Structure formats: structure tokens, C-alpha cells
């Protein structure tokens, strides 16, 4: 999703380049939008300068306002995707222009800032069954293994019965099968990163105890 934060203009005066307009607009993306990278990033865009002798631009950025610990020379392009930023951190950005000889550089443009979105990962779900066969009625224990942040869960035992709840942890489940058959049990978990279902074909063979032989 693309969010346009602001578009401001600052009149900059440089000895060689003369009057220079640089309007810096910040376009922020989540980490997944930057070449499917897991690292957060933003895309910066600014208005091209028509000043004679313009050689290119530098993007300056840092985690405190007016203090830019890093910069990157982007050449003559007026948009730049900056990746590898720390998720959850707020960054401040400004642009400068330089001449062909790279001996003169303008002052900073207006400053813009953005908080890099945190990538929320989809949870994972798995479970084990205590046994797969036995005498009727057969009682089985299901033990879940879940990673990631969740807000709700649901057990589906494959015979039309379910168990669900709204919690950050999935409890173990106990199920008694009274009818003979083969069932597929599943566990579904849902969280900020989405929903996932794990299904396992749990074969439950329910049979009567062997009859005693008559002597």
C-alpha cells in the first residue's frame, strides 16, 4: 500500500548552481513492497532542478531530526528506493544537489520523516496426536505447536465437532471418538499476520474387543 506523507518546497541558494527548488515528497512502503525484501524501506521523490551545472543529488538520512548519519549518491534520478532500514524506527530524510565537478553542494532540502512499518509474519501451526487406533470409545489427545502471534484458534476434529477460542495460545485438546471411521483433524490459528490451517489425516480405527473363545 502506498502512502503519500507530504510534499513541501524549500528555496535553496547555492553559489554555483544558483536558485534551486527542491521539493521532497516521501512515499513509504512496507518491507514486502521492496523487491519482496524482509527489510523495511521507503521511496523518496523530489522535483527535478533546472539549474545549469546540476550534476546530481544525494539522499541524506538518520534517526534524529537534522542529524543525517548516512547519505547515498543517487546521480541525476529524482526518485530513490532506500532499503535496509530498521523496522519500527523513525527516519528523517533530506536531499542535496551537487554540480558536475562535485565541488559544490547545496544546502539541505526540506526534511521529511517516516516510521518504517514492521513486517507482521503469518503464524505457523502444527500438532501431534497421541494415538491413531484403539478400542471404542477412543480418546485422543492433540498437542499443538504454534509459532508467531495469534489472537484466535480452532480445533476441528473431523466428525462435525469443533473447539475454538480467542487467545494468544492454543490449548491441547482431548477428543473421544465413539464411532468407527477415519477422520481428518485440523488446527486453524489466526493472528495479525493472517490465518493458517494445518490438517492431518488422523486414521481412527475403532473396533470392538475380540470375543472370548468358548471352550
N, C-alpha and C. Protein backbone atom coordinates (compact mmCIF):
# COMPACT_ATOMS: atom_id res chain seq x y z
N UNK A 1 0.85 -1.18 0.00
CA UNK A 1 0.00 0.00 0.00
C UNK A 1 0.88 1.23 0.00
N UNK A 2 0.57 2.23 -0.80
CA UNK A 2 1.37 3.44 -0.96
C UNK A 2 0.74 4.56 -0.16
N UNK A 3 1.56 5.20 0.67
CA UNK A 3 1.08 6.31 1.48
C UNK A 3 1.90 7.54 1.18
N UNK A 4 1.27 8.61 0.75
CA UNK A 4 1.97 9.85 0.47
C UNK A 4 1.89 10.72 1.71
N UNK A 5 3.05 10.99 2.30
CA UNK A 5 3.06 11.70 3.56
C UNK A 5 2.96 13.22 3.37
N UNK A 6 3.76 13.79 2.50
CA UNK A 6 3.76 15.25 2.35
C UNK A 6 4.47 15.63 1.07
N UNK A 7 4.28 16.85 0.66
CA UNK A 7 5.01 17.40 -0.48
C UNK A 7 5.25 18.87 -0.17
N UNK A 8 6.49 19.20 0.19
CA UNK A 8 6.84 20.55 0.58
C UNK A 8 7.92 21.09 -0.35
N UNK A 9 8.09 22.39 -0.35
CA UNK A 9 9.10 23.03 -1.20
C UNK A 9 10.00 23.93 -0.34
N UNK A 10 11.28 23.95 -0.67
CA UNK A 10 12.22 24.81 0.02
C UNK A 10 13.09 25.49 -1.03
N UNK A 11 13.21 26.82 -0.94
CA UNK A 11 14.04 27.58 -1.88
C UNK A 11 15.48 27.56 -1.37
N UNK A 12 16.39 26.94 -2.17
CA UNK A 12 17.78 26.81 -1.78
C UNK A 12 18.65 27.67 -2.67
N UNK A 13 19.63 28.33 -2.09
CA UNK A 13 20.56 29.18 -2.82
C UNK A 13 21.96 28.58 -2.72
N UNK A 14 22.59 28.26 -3.85
CA UNK A 14 23.96 27.76 -3.85
C UNK A 14 24.81 28.68 -4.71
N UNK A 15 26.10 28.84 -4.37
CA UNK A 15 26.95 29.76 -5.12
C UNK A 15 27.06 29.44 -6.61
N UNK A 16 27.18 28.15 -6.95
CA UNK A 16 27.40 27.80 -8.34
C UNK A 16 26.08 27.48 -9.05
N UNK A 17 25.23 26.75 -8.38
CA UNK A 17 24.01 26.28 -9.04
C UNK A 17 22.95 27.36 -9.15
N UNK A 18 23.07 28.42 -8.35
CA UNK A 18 22.08 29.48 -8.39
C UNK A 18 20.82 29.06 -7.68
N UNK A 19 19.73 29.83 -7.90
CA UNK A 19 18.47 29.48 -7.22
C UNK A 19 18.04 28.06 -7.59
N UNK A 20 17.71 27.28 -6.59
CA UNK A 20 17.38 25.88 -6.81
C UNK A 20 16.16 25.50 -5.99
N UNK A 21 15.15 24.99 -6.69
CA UNK A 21 13.97 24.48 -5.99
C UNK A 21 14.11 22.98 -5.82
N UNK A 22 13.98 22.52 -4.60
CA UNK A 22 13.92 21.09 -4.35
C UNK A 22 12.69 20.82 -3.49
N UNK A 23 11.74 20.13 -4.06
CA UNK A 23 10.55 19.71 -3.29
C UNK A 23 10.67 18.24 -3.01
N UNK A 24 10.68 17.88 -1.75
CA UNK A 24 10.90 16.49 -1.38
C UNK A 24 9.59 15.87 -0.93
N UNK A 25 9.18 14.81 -1.58
CA UNK A 25 7.97 14.08 -1.20
C UNK A 25 8.37 12.69 -0.73
N UNK A 26 7.74 12.23 0.32
CA UNK A 26 8.09 10.92 0.87
C UNK A 26 6.99 9.92 0.56
N UNK A 27 7.37 8.83 -0.08
CA UNK A 27 6.44 7.75 -0.40
C UNK A 27 6.90 6.53 0.36
N UNK A 28 6.13 6.06 1.31
CA UNK A 28 6.58 4.99 2.20
C UNK A 28 5.95 3.66 1.83
N UNK A 29 6.76 2.62 1.84
CA UNK A 29 6.30 1.27 1.53
C UNK A 29 6.65 0.35 2.69
N UNK A 30 5.91 -0.74 2.83
CA UNK A 30 6.28 -1.79 3.76
C UNK A 30 7.40 -2.62 3.17
N UNK A 31 8.04 -3.45 4.01
CA UNK A 31 9.18 -4.23 3.57
C UNK A 31 8.88 -5.14 2.40
N UNK A 32 7.71 -5.73 2.36
CA UNK A 32 7.37 -6.68 1.31
C UNK A 32 7.27 -6.01 -0.06
N UNK A 33 7.07 -4.68 -0.10
CA UNK A 33 6.89 -4.00 -1.37
C UNK A 33 8.22 -3.72 -2.06
N UNK A 34 9.32 -3.83 -1.34
CA UNK A 34 10.62 -3.54 -1.92
C UNK A 34 11.28 -4.85 -2.36
N UNK A 35 10.97 -5.26 -3.56
CA UNK A 35 11.54 -6.48 -4.14
C UNK A 35 11.38 -7.67 -3.21
N UNK A 36 10.26 -7.71 -2.51
CA UNK A 36 9.95 -8.79 -1.58
C UNK A 36 11.00 -8.94 -0.49
N UNK A 37 11.65 -7.85 -0.16
CA UNK A 37 12.67 -7.89 0.88
C UNK A 37 12.02 -7.90 2.24
N UNK A 38 12.68 -8.56 3.20
CA UNK A 38 12.15 -8.57 4.56
C UNK A 38 12.53 -7.31 5.32
N UNK A 39 13.47 -6.55 4.79
CA UNK A 39 13.87 -5.31 5.44
C UNK A 39 12.92 -4.19 5.05
N UNK A 40 12.70 -3.25 5.98
CA UNK A 40 11.82 -2.12 5.70
C UNK A 40 12.49 -1.13 4.78
N UNK A 41 11.70 -0.25 4.19
CA UNK A 41 12.27 0.75 3.30
C UNK A 41 11.28 1.82 2.94
N UNK A 42 11.77 2.87 2.30
CA UNK A 42 10.94 3.95 1.80
C UNK A 42 11.39 4.30 0.39
N UNK A 43 10.54 4.97 -0.34
CA UNK A 43 10.92 5.54 -1.63
C UNK A 43 10.79 7.05 -1.54
N UNK A 44 11.86 7.75 -1.83
CA UNK A 44 11.88 9.21 -1.81
C UNK A 44 11.74 9.74 -3.23
N UNK A 45 11.03 10.86 -3.36
CA UNK A 45 10.88 11.51 -4.66
C UNK A 45 10.95 13.01 -4.48
N UNK A 46 11.56 13.70 -5.43
CA UNK A 46 11.67 15.14 -5.35
C UNK A 46 11.62 15.72 -6.75
N UNK A 47 11.30 17.03 -6.83
CA UNK A 47 11.19 17.70 -8.12
C UNK A 47 12.57 17.95 -8.72
N UNK A 48 12.70 17.72 -10.00
CA UNK A 48 13.98 17.92 -10.68
C UNK A 48 14.34 19.39 -10.73
N UNK A 49 15.61 19.67 -10.56
CA UNK A 49 16.10 21.04 -10.67
C UNK A 49 16.45 21.35 -12.12
N UNK A 50 16.18 22.58 -12.54
CA UNK A 50 16.53 23.02 -13.90
C UNK A 50 17.76 23.92 -13.89
N UNK A 51 18.45 23.95 -12.75
CA UNK A 51 19.62 24.82 -12.64
C UNK A 51 20.75 24.34 -13.56
N UNK A 52 21.44 25.28 -14.18
CA UNK A 52 22.58 24.93 -15.03
C UNK A 52 23.71 24.39 -14.16
N UNK A 53 24.41 23.38 -14.69
CA UNK A 53 25.54 22.83 -13.96
C UNK A 53 25.17 21.76 -12.95
N UNK A 54 23.90 21.37 -12.92
CA UNK A 54 23.48 20.36 -11.97
C UNK A 54 24.09 19.00 -12.33
N UNK A 55 24.76 18.37 -11.36
CA UNK A 55 25.36 17.07 -11.60
C UNK A 55 24.55 15.91 -11.07
N UNK A 56 23.90 16.11 -9.93
CA UNK A 56 23.11 15.03 -9.35
C UNK A 56 22.65 15.38 -7.95
N UNK A 57 22.20 14.35 -7.24
CA UNK A 57 21.62 14.54 -5.91
C UNK A 57 22.19 13.52 -4.93
N UNK A 58 22.13 13.88 -3.67
CA UNK A 58 22.43 12.96 -2.58
C UNK A 58 21.24 12.90 -1.64
N UNK A 59 20.93 11.70 -1.20
CA UNK A 59 19.89 11.50 -0.19
C UNK A 59 20.58 11.32 1.15
N UNK A 60 20.19 12.13 2.13
CA UNK A 60 20.76 12.06 3.46
C UNK A 60 19.69 11.56 4.42
N UNK A 61 20.08 10.73 5.37
CA UNK A 61 19.08 10.19 6.30
C UNK A 61 19.72 9.81 7.63
N UNK A 62 18.90 9.80 8.67
CA UNK A 62 19.34 9.43 10.01
C UNK A 62 18.13 9.24 10.91
N UNK A 63 18.38 8.88 12.15
CA UNK A 63 17.29 8.59 13.08
C UNK A 63 16.98 9.75 14.02
N UNK A 64 17.60 10.90 13.80
CA UNK A 64 17.24 12.10 14.57
C UNK A 64 17.11 13.27 13.62
N UNK A 65 16.18 14.15 13.90
CA UNK A 65 15.88 15.27 13.00
C UNK A 65 17.09 16.19 12.84
N UNK A 66 17.43 16.48 11.58
CA UNK A 66 18.53 17.39 11.28
C UNK A 66 19.91 16.78 11.43
N UNK A 67 19.98 15.54 11.83
CA UNK A 67 21.27 14.86 12.01
C UNK A 67 21.30 13.63 11.11
N UNK A 68 21.94 13.75 9.95
CA UNK A 68 21.91 12.70 8.94
C UNK A 68 23.24 11.93 8.96
N UNK A 69 23.19 10.74 9.57
CA UNK A 69 24.42 9.96 9.75
C UNK A 69 24.86 9.25 8.49
N UNK A 70 23.99 9.14 7.51
CA UNK A 70 24.33 8.41 6.28
C UNK A 70 23.81 9.18 5.08
N UNK A 71 24.43 8.92 3.93
CA UNK A 71 23.94 9.50 2.69
C UNK A 71 24.29 8.58 1.53
N UNK A 72 23.57 8.75 0.45
CA UNK A 72 23.81 7.95 -0.75
C UNK A 72 23.72 8.85 -1.97
N UNK A 73 24.68 8.72 -2.86
CA UNK A 73 24.69 9.48 -4.10
C UNK A 73 23.79 8.75 -5.10
N UNK A 74 22.71 9.40 -5.52
CA UNK A 74 21.74 8.74 -6.40
C UNK A 74 21.87 9.21 -7.84
N UNK A 75 22.88 10.03 -8.15
CA UNK A 75 23.04 10.52 -9.51
C UNK A 75 21.96 11.52 -9.87
N UNK A 76 21.54 11.51 -11.13
CA UNK A 76 20.59 12.50 -11.62
C UNK A 76 19.13 12.09 -11.43
N UNK A 77 18.87 10.88 -10.92
CA UNK A 77 17.48 10.45 -10.75
C UNK A 77 16.80 11.23 -9.63
N UNK A 78 15.50 11.36 -9.74
CA UNK A 78 14.73 12.14 -8.77
C UNK A 78 13.79 11.28 -7.93
N UNK A 79 13.94 9.98 -8.00
CA UNK A 79 13.29 9.07 -7.08
C UNK A 79 14.32 8.03 -6.66
N UNK A 80 14.19 7.55 -5.44
CA UNK A 80 15.17 6.56 -4.98
C UNK A 80 14.55 5.67 -3.92
N UNK A 81 14.56 4.34 -4.14
CA UNK A 81 14.08 3.40 -3.12
C UNK A 81 15.21 3.08 -2.14
N UNK A 82 15.02 3.45 -0.91
CA UNK A 82 16.04 3.25 0.12
C UNK A 82 15.60 2.07 0.99
N UNK A 83 16.37 0.99 0.96
CA UNK A 83 16.00 -0.22 1.70
C UNK A 83 17.01 -0.48 2.81
N UNK A 84 16.78 -1.57 3.54
CA UNK A 84 17.69 -1.95 4.61
C UNK A 84 17.54 -1.13 5.87
N UNK A 85 16.41 -0.44 6.03
CA UNK A 85 16.18 0.37 7.22
C UNK A 85 15.57 -0.49 8.33
N UNK A 86 15.80 -0.07 9.56
CA UNK A 86 15.33 -0.85 10.71
C UNK A 86 13.82 -0.70 10.87
N UNK A 87 13.14 -1.82 10.90
CA UNK A 87 11.70 -1.80 11.06
C UNK A 87 11.32 -1.26 12.43
N UNK A 88 10.30 -0.42 12.46
CA UNK A 88 9.84 0.19 13.69
C UNK A 88 10.55 1.48 14.07
N UNK A 89 11.65 1.81 13.39
CA UNK A 89 12.40 3.02 13.68
C UNK A 89 11.89 4.19 12.83
N UNK A 90 12.03 5.40 13.34
CA UNK A 90 11.67 6.61 12.60
C UNK A 90 12.92 7.21 11.98
N UNK A 91 12.86 7.49 10.69
CA UNK A 91 13.99 8.07 9.97
C UNK A 91 13.62 9.45 9.44
N UNK A 92 14.65 10.29 9.28
CA UNK A 92 14.49 11.65 8.76
C UNK A 92 15.33 11.76 7.49
N UNK A 93 14.77 12.42 6.47
CA UNK A 93 15.40 12.45 5.15
C UNK A 93 15.47 13.88 4.62
N UNK A 94 16.54 14.14 3.86
CA UNK A 94 16.68 15.40 3.13
C UNK A 94 17.54 15.14 1.90
N UNK A 95 17.45 16.04 0.92
CA UNK A 95 18.19 15.89 -0.34
C UNK A 95 19.06 17.12 -0.56
N UNK A 96 20.25 16.89 -1.10
CA UNK A 96 21.10 17.99 -1.56
C UNK A 96 21.41 17.79 -3.03
N UNK A 97 21.79 18.87 -3.70
CA UNK A 97 22.19 18.81 -5.11
C UNK A 97 23.66 19.19 -5.21
N UNK A 98 24.36 18.65 -6.22
CA UNK A 98 25.76 18.99 -6.42
C UNK A 98 26.00 19.27 -7.91
N UNK A 99 27.14 19.93 -8.19
CA UNK A 99 27.44 20.30 -9.58
C UNK A 99 28.19 19.18 -10.29
N UNK A 100 28.44 19.40 -11.61
CA UNK A 100 29.11 18.38 -12.41
C UNK A 100 30.50 18.05 -11.87
N UNK A 101 31.20 19.03 -11.37
CA UNK A 101 32.56 18.82 -10.89
C UNK A 101 32.59 18.21 -9.48
N UNK A 102 31.43 18.13 -8.86
CA UNK A 102 31.30 17.61 -7.49
C UNK A 102 32.12 18.41 -6.50
N UNK A 103 32.23 19.71 -6.76
CA UNK A 103 32.98 20.58 -5.85
C UNK A 103 32.05 21.47 -5.03
N UNK A 104 30.81 21.59 -5.47
CA UNK A 104 29.85 22.45 -4.79
C UNK A 104 28.58 21.66 -4.52
N UNK A 105 28.10 21.77 -3.29
CA UNK A 105 26.89 21.06 -2.90
C UNK A 105 25.93 22.04 -2.24
N UNK A 106 24.66 21.90 -2.54
CA UNK A 106 23.66 22.81 -1.99
C UNK A 106 23.39 22.49 -0.52
N UNK A 107 22.61 23.34 0.10
CA UNK A 107 22.12 23.04 1.43
C UNK A 107 21.04 21.97 1.37
N UNK A 108 20.56 21.56 2.53
CA UNK A 108 19.54 20.52 2.57
C UNK A 108 18.19 21.04 2.09
N UNK A 109 17.44 20.15 1.49
CA UNK A 109 16.05 20.45 1.16
C UNK A 109 15.23 20.44 2.44
N UNK A 110 13.92 20.59 2.32
CA UNK A 110 13.07 20.37 3.48
C UNK A 110 13.24 18.94 3.97
N UNK A 111 12.94 18.72 5.20
CA UNK A 111 13.07 17.40 5.81
C UNK A 111 11.72 16.70 5.87
N UNK A 112 11.74 15.40 5.61
CA UNK A 112 10.54 14.57 5.79
C UNK A 112 10.94 13.39 6.66
N UNK A 113 9.96 12.78 7.27
CA UNK A 113 10.24 11.65 8.15
C UNK A 113 9.22 10.53 7.92
N UNK A 114 9.59 9.34 8.32
CA UNK A 114 8.69 8.19 8.22
C UNK A 114 9.11 7.15 9.24
N UNK A 115 8.12 6.49 9.82
CA UNK A 115 8.38 5.34 10.68
C UNK A 115 8.25 4.09 9.82
N UNK A 116 9.31 3.29 9.78
CA UNK A 116 9.34 2.12 8.91
C UNK A 116 8.38 1.06 9.46
N UNK A 117 7.44 0.62 8.64
CA UNK A 117 6.46 -0.37 9.12
C UNK A 117 7.13 -1.68 9.53
N UNK A 118 6.55 -2.30 10.53
CA UNK A 118 7.04 -3.60 10.98
C UNK A 118 6.32 -4.70 10.20
N UNK A 119 7.09 -5.59 9.64
CA UNK A 119 6.51 -6.70 8.89
C UNK A 119 5.91 -7.72 9.86
N UNK A 120 4.64 -7.99 9.71
CA UNK A 120 3.96 -8.97 10.56
C UNK A 120 3.92 -10.30 9.81
N UNK A 121 4.54 -11.31 10.37
CA UNK A 121 4.62 -12.60 9.70
C UNK A 121 3.40 -13.45 10.03
N UNK A 122 3.03 -14.28 9.07
CA UNK A 122 1.92 -15.22 9.27
C UNK A 122 2.34 -16.28 10.28
N UNK A 123 1.44 -16.66 11.18
CA UNK A 123 1.80 -17.70 12.15
C UNK A 123 1.90 -19.07 11.47
N UNK A 124 2.48 -20.02 12.17
CA UNK A 124 2.53 -21.39 11.71
C UNK A 124 1.83 -22.28 12.73
N UNK A 125 1.30 -23.40 12.26
CA UNK A 125 0.56 -24.30 13.14
C UNK A 125 0.87 -25.75 12.80
N UNK A 126 1.01 -26.56 13.82
CA UNK A 126 1.19 -27.99 13.65
C UNK A 126 0.66 -28.67 14.91
N UNK A 127 0.49 -29.98 14.86
CA UNK A 127 0.05 -30.70 16.05
C UNK A 127 0.38 -32.17 15.91
N UNK A 128 0.38 -32.86 17.04
CA UNK A 128 0.58 -34.30 17.06
C UNK A 128 -0.60 -34.96 17.75
N UNK A 129 -0.87 -36.21 17.39
CA UNK A 129 -1.94 -36.99 18.01
C UNK A 129 -1.33 -38.08 18.86
N UNK A 130 -1.94 -38.32 20.01
CA UNK A 130 -1.37 -39.29 20.95
C UNK A 130 -1.42 -40.71 20.43
N UNK A 131 -2.41 -41.04 19.64
CA UNK A 131 -2.54 -42.38 19.08
C UNK A 131 -3.46 -42.32 17.88
N UNK A 132 -3.49 -43.40 17.12
CA UNK A 132 -4.31 -43.40 15.91
C UNK A 132 -5.31 -44.54 15.87
N UNK A 133 -5.28 -45.44 16.82
CA UNK A 133 -6.23 -46.55 16.81
C UNK A 133 -6.42 -47.09 18.22
N UNK A 134 -7.54 -47.75 18.43
CA UNK A 134 -7.81 -48.34 19.74
C UNK A 134 -9.25 -48.80 19.84
N UNK A 135 -9.60 -49.30 21.03
CA UNK A 135 -10.95 -49.80 21.25
C UNK A 135 -11.94 -48.65 21.44
N UNK A 136 -13.16 -48.90 21.10
CA UNK A 136 -14.19 -47.89 21.26
C UNK A 136 -14.67 -47.83 22.72
N UNK A 137 -14.91 -46.62 23.25
CA UNK A 137 -14.64 -45.32 22.62
C UNK A 137 -13.15 -44.97 22.72
N UNK A 138 -12.63 -44.32 21.70
CA UNK A 138 -11.21 -43.99 21.65
C UNK A 138 -11.01 -42.53 22.03
N UNK A 139 -10.23 -42.29 23.06
CA UNK A 139 -9.91 -40.93 23.50
C UNK A 139 -8.53 -40.56 23.00
N UNK A 140 -8.45 -39.44 22.29
CA UNK A 140 -7.18 -38.98 21.72
C UNK A 140 -6.82 -37.61 22.25
N UNK A 141 -5.53 -37.38 22.43
CA UNK A 141 -5.00 -36.08 22.85
C UNK A 141 -4.26 -35.44 21.68
N UNK A 142 -4.59 -34.18 21.40
CA UNK A 142 -3.93 -33.42 20.34
C UNK A 142 -3.08 -32.32 20.99
N UNK A 143 -1.80 -32.32 20.65
CA UNK A 143 -0.86 -31.35 21.22
C UNK A 143 -0.42 -30.37 20.13
N UNK A 144 -0.68 -29.06 20.31
CA UNK A 144 -0.36 -28.10 19.24
C UNK A 144 1.08 -27.57 19.35
N UNK A 145 1.60 -27.15 18.21
CA UNK A 145 2.86 -26.42 18.13
C UNK A 145 2.62 -25.21 17.23
N UNK A 146 2.64 -24.03 17.82
CA UNK A 146 2.31 -22.80 17.10
C UNK A 146 3.43 -21.79 17.27
N UNK A 147 3.80 -21.12 16.19
CA UNK A 147 4.76 -20.03 16.26
C UNK A 147 4.11 -18.75 15.72
N UNK A 148 4.60 -17.61 16.19
CA UNK A 148 4.05 -16.34 15.75
C UNK A 148 2.94 -15.85 16.66
N UNK A 149 2.49 -14.65 16.39
CA UNK A 149 1.45 -14.02 17.21
C UNK A 149 0.07 -14.42 16.70
N UNK A 150 -0.80 -14.90 17.63
CA UNK A 150 -2.16 -15.28 17.25
C UNK A 150 -3.16 -14.64 18.20
N UNK A 151 -4.38 -14.51 17.72
CA UNK A 151 -5.46 -13.94 18.53
C UNK A 151 -6.63 -14.91 18.69
N UNK A 152 -6.68 -15.95 17.85
CA UNK A 152 -7.76 -16.93 17.96
C UNK A 152 -7.30 -18.26 17.40
N UNK A 153 -8.02 -19.33 17.77
CA UNK A 153 -7.67 -20.67 17.33
C UNK A 153 -8.94 -21.51 17.22
N UNK A 154 -8.85 -22.59 16.45
CA UNK A 154 -9.97 -23.53 16.33
C UNK A 154 -9.46 -24.92 16.02
N UNK A 155 -9.91 -25.88 16.82
CA UNK A 155 -9.72 -27.29 16.53
C UNK A 155 -10.94 -27.80 15.76
N UNK A 156 -10.71 -28.57 14.73
CA UNK A 156 -11.78 -29.26 14.01
C UNK A 156 -11.41 -30.74 14.01
N UNK A 157 -12.25 -31.56 14.64
CA UNK A 157 -11.90 -32.96 14.85
C UNK A 157 -12.32 -33.88 13.72
N UNK A 158 -12.95 -33.32 12.70
CA UNK A 158 -13.26 -34.10 11.51
C UNK A 158 -14.55 -34.89 11.59
N UNK A 159 -15.26 -34.79 12.71
CA UNK A 159 -16.53 -35.52 12.84
C UNK A 159 -17.70 -34.57 13.04
N UNK A 160 -17.47 -33.29 12.67
CA UNK A 160 -18.52 -32.29 12.83
C UNK A 160 -18.44 -31.51 14.12
N UNK A 161 -17.53 -31.85 15.02
CA UNK A 161 -17.37 -31.13 16.28
C UNK A 161 -16.11 -30.27 16.22
N UNK A 162 -16.15 -29.13 16.90
CA UNK A 162 -15.03 -28.19 16.93
C UNK A 162 -14.84 -27.66 18.35
N UNK A 163 -13.70 -27.05 18.55
CA UNK A 163 -13.40 -26.34 19.79
C UNK A 163 -12.62 -25.10 19.40
N UNK A 164 -13.02 -23.93 19.89
CA UNK A 164 -12.34 -22.70 19.49
C UNK A 164 -12.25 -21.72 20.65
N UNK A 165 -11.45 -20.69 20.45
CA UNK A 165 -11.28 -19.68 21.48
C UNK A 165 -10.54 -18.48 20.94
N UNK A 166 -10.59 -17.39 21.69
CA UNK A 166 -9.87 -16.15 21.35
C UNK A 166 -8.78 -15.96 22.40
N UNK A 167 -7.58 -16.37 22.07
CA UNK A 167 -6.46 -16.30 23.00
C UNK A 167 -5.16 -16.32 22.22
N UNK A 168 -4.07 -15.98 22.90
CA UNK A 168 -2.76 -15.92 22.24
C UNK A 168 -2.04 -17.26 22.29
N UNK A 169 -2.64 -18.26 22.91
CA UNK A 169 -2.05 -19.59 22.97
C UNK A 169 -3.13 -20.64 22.72
N UNK A 170 -2.73 -21.72 22.07
CA UNK A 170 -3.68 -22.79 21.76
C UNK A 170 -3.56 -23.88 22.82
N UNK A 171 -4.65 -24.24 23.47
CA UNK A 171 -4.58 -25.33 24.45
C UNK A 171 -4.58 -26.69 23.76
N UNK A 172 -4.03 -27.66 24.46
CA UNK A 172 -4.13 -29.03 23.97
C UNK A 172 -5.59 -29.45 23.99
N UNK A 173 -5.94 -30.37 23.12
CA UNK A 173 -7.33 -30.80 23.01
C UNK A 173 -7.45 -32.30 23.27
N UNK A 174 -8.60 -32.68 23.82
CA UNK A 174 -8.91 -34.08 24.04
C UNK A 174 -10.21 -34.40 23.32
N UNK A 175 -10.23 -35.47 22.59
CA UNK A 175 -11.40 -35.83 21.81
C UNK A 175 -11.68 -37.33 21.96
N UNK A 176 -12.94 -37.67 22.16
CA UNK A 176 -13.35 -39.06 22.25
C UNK A 176 -14.19 -39.41 21.02
N UNK A 177 -13.70 -40.36 20.26
CA UNK A 177 -14.40 -40.83 19.06
C UNK A 177 -15.19 -42.09 19.43
N UNK A 178 -16.49 -42.05 19.22
CA UNK A 178 -17.34 -43.16 19.60
C UNK A 178 -17.77 -44.03 18.42
N UNK A 179 -17.55 -43.53 17.22
CA UNK A 179 -17.99 -44.26 16.03
C UNK A 179 -16.79 -44.67 15.20
N UNK A 180 -16.89 -45.80 14.58
CA UNK A 180 -15.81 -46.28 13.74
C UNK A 180 -15.67 -45.41 12.50
N UNK A 181 -14.45 -45.17 12.08
CA UNK A 181 -14.23 -44.37 10.88
C UNK A 181 -12.84 -43.81 10.81
N UNK A 182 -12.58 -43.11 9.73
CA UNK A 182 -11.31 -42.41 9.52
C UNK A 182 -11.60 -40.92 9.50
N UNK A 183 -10.87 -40.15 10.28
CA UNK A 183 -11.14 -38.73 10.46
C UNK A 183 -9.91 -37.90 10.08
N UNK A 184 -10.16 -36.66 9.70
CA UNK A 184 -9.09 -35.69 9.44
C UNK A 184 -9.23 -34.56 10.44
N UNK A 185 -8.27 -34.42 11.31
CA UNK A 185 -8.29 -33.35 12.31
C UNK A 185 -7.50 -32.16 11.79
N UNK A 186 -7.92 -30.96 12.16
CA UNK A 186 -7.22 -29.75 11.71
C UNK A 186 -7.17 -28.72 12.82
N UNK A 187 -6.15 -27.89 12.74
CA UNK A 187 -5.97 -26.77 13.66
C UNK A 187 -5.81 -25.49 12.84
N UNK A 188 -6.64 -24.49 13.13
CA UNK A 188 -6.58 -23.19 12.46
C UNK A 188 -6.23 -22.12 13.48
N UNK A 189 -5.22 -21.30 13.16
CA UNK A 189 -4.86 -20.18 14.03
C UNK A 189 -4.91 -18.90 13.21
N UNK A 190 -5.31 -17.81 13.85
CA UNK A 190 -5.43 -16.51 13.20
C UNK A 190 -4.73 -15.45 14.04
N UNK A 191 -3.98 -14.58 13.38
CA UNK A 191 -3.28 -13.50 14.06
C UNK A 191 -3.15 -12.28 13.19
N UNK A 192 -2.39 -11.27 13.62
CA UNK A 192 -2.21 -10.05 12.83
C UNK A 192 -1.63 -10.31 11.45
N UNK A 193 -0.85 -11.40 11.30
CA UNK A 193 -0.23 -11.71 10.02
C UNK A 193 -1.07 -12.56 9.10
N UNK A 194 -2.26 -12.97 9.57
CA UNK A 194 -3.13 -13.77 8.73
C UNK A 194 -3.58 -15.04 9.43
N UNK A 195 -4.15 -15.94 8.64
CA UNK A 195 -4.69 -17.19 9.16
C UNK A 195 -4.05 -18.37 8.45
N UNK A 196 -3.85 -19.47 9.19
CA UNK A 196 -3.25 -20.66 8.61
C UNK A 196 -3.93 -21.89 9.21
N UNK A 197 -4.10 -22.91 8.40
CA UNK A 197 -4.72 -24.15 8.84
C UNK A 197 -3.79 -25.32 8.56
N UNK A 198 -3.64 -26.16 9.57
CA UNK A 198 -2.86 -27.39 9.42
C UNK A 198 -3.81 -28.57 9.56
N UNK A 199 -3.85 -29.41 8.55
CA UNK A 199 -4.73 -30.58 8.55
C UNK A 199 -3.91 -31.85 8.45
N UNK A 200 -4.28 -32.82 9.26
CA UNK A 200 -3.60 -34.10 9.22
C UNK A 200 -4.62 -35.22 9.14
N UNK A 201 -4.39 -36.17 8.26
CA UNK A 201 -5.30 -37.32 8.19
C UNK A 201 -5.03 -38.27 9.34
N UNK A 202 -5.78 -38.12 10.39
CA UNK A 202 -5.63 -38.98 11.55
C UNK A 202 -6.59 -40.15 11.40
N UNK A 203 -6.06 -41.32 11.19
CA UNK A 203 -6.89 -42.51 10.99
C UNK A 203 -7.25 -43.09 12.35
N UNK A 204 -8.52 -43.09 12.62
CA UNK A 204 -9.02 -43.64 13.87
C UNK A 204 -9.81 -44.90 13.56
N UNK A 205 -9.25 -46.02 13.90
CA UNK A 205 -9.93 -47.29 13.65
C UNK A 205 -10.52 -47.75 14.97
N UNK A 206 -11.81 -47.75 15.01
CA UNK A 206 -12.49 -48.13 16.24
C UNK A 206 -13.13 -49.48 16.04
N UNK A 207 -12.80 -50.39 16.91
CA UNK A 207 -13.33 -51.73 16.75
C UNK A 207 -13.64 -52.32 18.13
N UNK A 208 -14.48 -53.33 18.12
CA UNK A 208 -14.87 -53.97 19.38
C UNK A 208 -13.77 -54.90 19.85
N UNK A 209 -13.64 -55.10 21.16
CA UNK A 209 -12.65 -56.05 21.68
C UNK A 209 -12.92 -57.44 21.13
N UNK A 210 -11.91 -58.22 20.95
CA UNK A 210 -12.11 -59.58 20.42
C UNK A 210 -12.95 -60.42 21.39
N UNK A 211 -13.81 -61.23 20.80
CA UNK A 211 -14.65 -62.09 21.62
C UNK A 211 -13.84 -63.26 22.20
N UNK A 212 -14.23 -63.65 23.40
CA UNK A 212 -13.55 -64.78 24.02
C UNK A 212 -14.00 -66.07 23.35
N UNK A 213 -13.10 -66.93 23.14
CA UNK A 213 -13.42 -68.22 22.53
C UNK A 213 -14.06 -69.14 23.58
N UNK A 214 -15.08 -69.80 23.13
CA UNK A 214 -15.77 -70.74 24.01
C UNK A 214 -15.09 -72.10 23.93
N UNK A 215 -14.74 -72.61 25.07
CA UNK A 215 -14.10 -73.94 25.11
C UNK A 215 -15.14 -75.03 25.15
